[in-house]
Protein backbone atom coordinates (compact mmCIF):
# COMPACT_ATOMS: atom_id res chain seq x y z
CA UNK A 1 26.78 -15.62 -8.28
CA UNK A 2 26.05 -15.43 -4.55
CA UNK A 3 22.40 -14.89 -3.70
CA UNK A 4 22.96 -11.57 -1.95
CA UNK A 5 25.01 -10.24 -4.87
CA UNK A 6 22.33 -11.36 -7.32
CA UNK A 7 19.66 -9.59 -5.29
CA UNK A 8 21.82 -6.48 -5.12
CA UNK A 9 21.88 -6.43 -8.91
CA UNK A 10 18.22 -7.27 -9.49
CA UNK A 11 16.80 -4.98 -6.80
CA UNK A 12 19.03 -2.02 -7.68
CA UNK A 13 18.37 -2.22 -11.41
CA UNK A 14 14.64 -2.73 -10.98
CA UNK A 15 14.53 -0.11 -8.20
CA UNK A 16 16.09 2.40 -10.58
CA UNK A 17 13.59 1.42 -13.28
CA UNK A 18 10.64 1.68 -10.86
CA UNK A 19 11.84 5.13 -9.80
CA UNK A 20 12.28 6.30 -13.38
CA UNK A 21 8.81 5.08 -14.32
CA UNK A 22 7.12 6.59 -11.25
CA UNK A 23 8.80 9.95 -11.71
CA UNK A 24 8.65 9.93 -15.50
CA UNK A 25 6.32 8.22 -17.95
CA UNK A 26 4.07 6.71 -15.27
CA UNK A 27 4.09 9.74 -12.98
CA UNK A 28 0.82 9.88 -11.08
CA UNK A 29 0.04 6.22 -11.82
CA UNK A 30 1.87 4.91 -8.76
CA UNK A 31 3.76 6.38 -5.84
CA UNK A 32 7.37 5.21 -5.66
CA UNK A 33 7.53 5.36 -1.87
CA UNK A 34 4.41 3.19 -1.52
CA UNK A 35 5.77 0.77 -4.12
CA UNK A 36 9.00 0.47 -2.11
CA UNK A 37 7.00 -0.20 1.07
CA UNK A 38 5.19 -3.00 -0.78
CA UNK A 39 8.44 -4.30 -2.26
CA UNK A 40 9.97 -4.60 1.21
CA UNK A 41 6.81 -6.25 2.52
CA UNK A 42 6.96 -8.77 -0.32
CA UNK A 43 10.38 -9.88 0.90
CA UNK A 44 9.28 -9.85 4.55
CA UNK A 45 6.33 -12.11 3.72
CA UNK A 46 8.47 -14.74 1.98
CA UNK A 47 9.39 -13.39 -1.47
CA UNK A 48 7.23 -15.83 -3.42
CA UNK A 49 3.83 -15.92 -5.12
CA UNK A 50 2.10 -16.56 -1.78
CA UNK A 51 3.79 -13.43 -0.40
CA UNK A 52 2.59 -11.43 -3.39
CA UNK A 53 -0.96 -12.70 -2.88
CA UNK A 54 -0.91 -11.79 0.85
CA UNK A 55 0.52 -8.37 0.10
CA UNK A 56 -1.93 -7.50 -2.65
CA UNK A 57 -5.09 -8.86 -1.01
CA UNK A 58 -4.39 -7.57 2.49
CA UNK A 59 -2.71 -4.35 1.35
CA UNK A 60 -5.67 -3.40 -0.80
CA UNK A 61 -8.00 -4.36 2.04
CA UNK A 62 -6.05 -1.99 4.30
CA UNK A 63 -6.32 0.75 1.67
CA UNK A 64 -10.08 0.10 1.47
CA UNK A 65 -10.54 0.32 5.25
CA UNK A 66 -8.50 3.54 5.34
CA UNK A 67 -10.59 4.95 2.50
CA UNK A 68 -13.83 4.15 4.38
CA UNK A 69 -12.40 5.66 7.56
CA UNK A 70 -11.44 8.85 5.71
CA UNK A 71 -14.85 9.13 4.07
CA UNK A 72 -16.63 8.64 7.41
CA UNK A 73 -14.44 11.21 9.18
CA UNK A 74 -15.20 13.77 6.48
CA UNK A 75 -18.88 13.09 5.80
CA UNK A 76 -20.42 12.14 9.15
CA UNK A 77 -20.85 15.47 10.93
CA UNK A 78 -19.58 14.58 14.40
CA UNK A 79 -16.28 16.47 14.20
CA UNK A 80 -18.11 19.67 15.13
CA UNK A 81 -19.57 18.33 18.36
CA UNK A 82 -16.76 15.97 19.40
CA UNK A 83 -13.85 17.88 17.94
CA UNK A 84 -11.91 16.57 14.96
CA UNK A 85 -9.11 14.86 16.95
CA UNK A 86 -11.55 12.79 19.04
CA UNK A 87 -13.85 12.02 16.10
CA UNK A 88 -10.93 10.94 13.90
CA UNK A 89 -9.47 8.82 16.72
CA UNK A 90 -12.78 7.03 17.25
CA UNK A 91 -13.24 6.29 13.55
CA UNK A 92 -9.63 5.13 13.14
CA UNK A 93 -10.06 2.92 16.21
CA UNK A 94 -13.17 1.35 14.65
CA UNK A 95 -11.23 0.81 11.43
CA UNK A 96 -8.46 -0.96 13.32
CA UNK A 97 -11.04 -3.26 14.92
CA UNK A 98 -12.23 -4.16 11.41
CA UNK A 99 -8.63 -4.80 10.27
CA UNK A 100 -7.87 -7.12 13.17
CA UNK A 101 -11.17 -9.01 13.20
CA UNK A 102 -11.00 -9.48 9.42
CA UNK A 103 -7.93 -11.62 10.07
CA UNK A 104 -10.38 -14.36 11.09
CA UNK A 105 -10.76 -14.86 7.33
CA UNK A 106 -7.68 -16.65 5.98
CA UNK A 107 -7.38 -14.37 2.94
CA UNK A 108 -7.15 -11.34 5.27
CA UNK A 109 -4.99 -12.92 7.96
CA UNK A 110 -1.75 -11.07 7.15
CA UNK A 111 -2.40 -8.10 9.42
CA UNK A 112 0.96 -6.37 8.74
CA UNK A 113 0.14 -6.18 5.02
CA UNK A 114 -3.25 -4.71 5.86
CA UNK A 115 -1.57 -2.15 8.11
CA UNK A 116 0.88 -1.25 5.32
CA UNK A 117 -2.07 -0.50 3.02
CA UNK A 118 -3.89 1.45 5.74
CA UNK A 119 -0.81 3.44 6.74
CA UNK A 120 0.24 4.15 3.16
CA UNK A 121 -3.23 5.50 2.46
CA UNK A 122 -3.14 7.90 5.37
CA UNK A 123 0.44 8.92 4.60
CA UNK A 124 -0.75 9.92 1.14
CA UNK A 125 -3.95 11.57 2.38
CA UNK A 126 -2.30 13.57 5.15
CA UNK A 127 0.82 14.63 3.25
CA UNK A 128 -0.64 15.47 -0.16
CA UNK A 129 -2.45 18.78 -0.55
CA UNK A 130 -6.09 18.73 -1.66
CA UNK A 131 -6.71 14.95 -1.63
CA UNK A 132 -8.34 14.51 1.80
CA UNK A 133 -11.67 15.79 0.50
CA UNK A 134 -14.93 13.92 -0.09
CA UNK A 135 -15.05 14.94 -3.76
CA UNK A 136 -11.59 13.42 -4.34
CA UNK A 137 -12.20 10.32 -2.24
CA UNK A 138 -15.48 9.65 -4.00
CA UNK A 139 -14.08 10.18 -7.49
CA UNK A 140 -12.81 7.51 -9.83
CA UNK A 141 -9.49 9.25 -10.36
CA UNK A 142 -5.79 8.68 -9.78
CA UNK A 143 -5.95 11.13 -6.86
CA UNK A 144 -8.34 8.82 -5.01
CA UNK A 145 -6.27 7.09 -2.31
CA UNK A 146 -8.00 3.75 -2.81
CA UNK A 147 -7.08 3.72 -6.50
CA UNK A 148 -3.56 5.17 -6.23
CA UNK A 149 -2.39 3.22 -3.19
CA UNK A 150 -3.82 -0.05 -4.52
CA UNK A 151 -1.96 0.38 -7.81
CA UNK A 152 1.21 1.37 -5.93
CA UNK A 153 1.05 -1.73 -3.72
CA UNK A 154 0.52 -3.98 -6.72
CA UNK A 155 3.39 -2.33 -8.59
CA UNK A 156 5.73 -2.75 -5.63
CA UNK A 157 4.74 -6.37 -5.17
CA UNK A 158 5.29 -7.12 -8.84
CA UNK A 159 8.69 -5.41 -8.82
CA UNK A 160 9.49 -7.51 -5.77
CA UNK A 161 8.51 -10.72 -7.54
CA UNK A 162 10.52 -9.77 -10.62
CA UNK A 163 13.58 -8.94 -8.53
CA UNK A 164 13.34 -12.19 -6.57
CA UNK A 165 13.00 -14.29 -9.73
CA UNK A 166 15.77 -12.44 -11.55
CA UNK A 167 18.01 -12.74 -8.50
CA UNK A 168 17.31 -16.48 -8.27
CA UNK A 169 18.06 -16.92 -11.98
CA UNK A 170 21.42 -15.18 -11.59
CA UNK A 171 22.22 -17.38 -8.60
CA UNK A 172 21.64 -20.55 -10.66
CA UNK A 173 23.65 -19.32 -13.65
């Protein structure tokens, strides 16, 4: 089978399974949209074990930085004096400095993966009612962005690896 045809089969079947699981029995365990972001990133980073490692390590690092940024915005009382837009912009800017400078460490050098984790976290926090609150961010629950986005990125990366390996196996057959 041609490689592209094999990938069409493996990605579509596993994409359907990932969707079913995220919306059904594993609902609330991972976000399907974040898993698909990670799945695409896996392919963009090389579609191999090294790509999975970059995605997971840097993606979770990005989710961690976003989590810290969100906690600081909400718990350090400067929004009142500076205004929330300016305070949030300053804290996000500081977080981005951390993301970029962390790339000096080889394990954190895949800045796009870090940005995917950071952006996915804020997409979840800003679009989901009642999760951008200190009590949620500081809880060990599936509503905590650090927990949920990290699991979602790992799930997407693993589905990516499975689809790449299955696709390769069908190509060799």
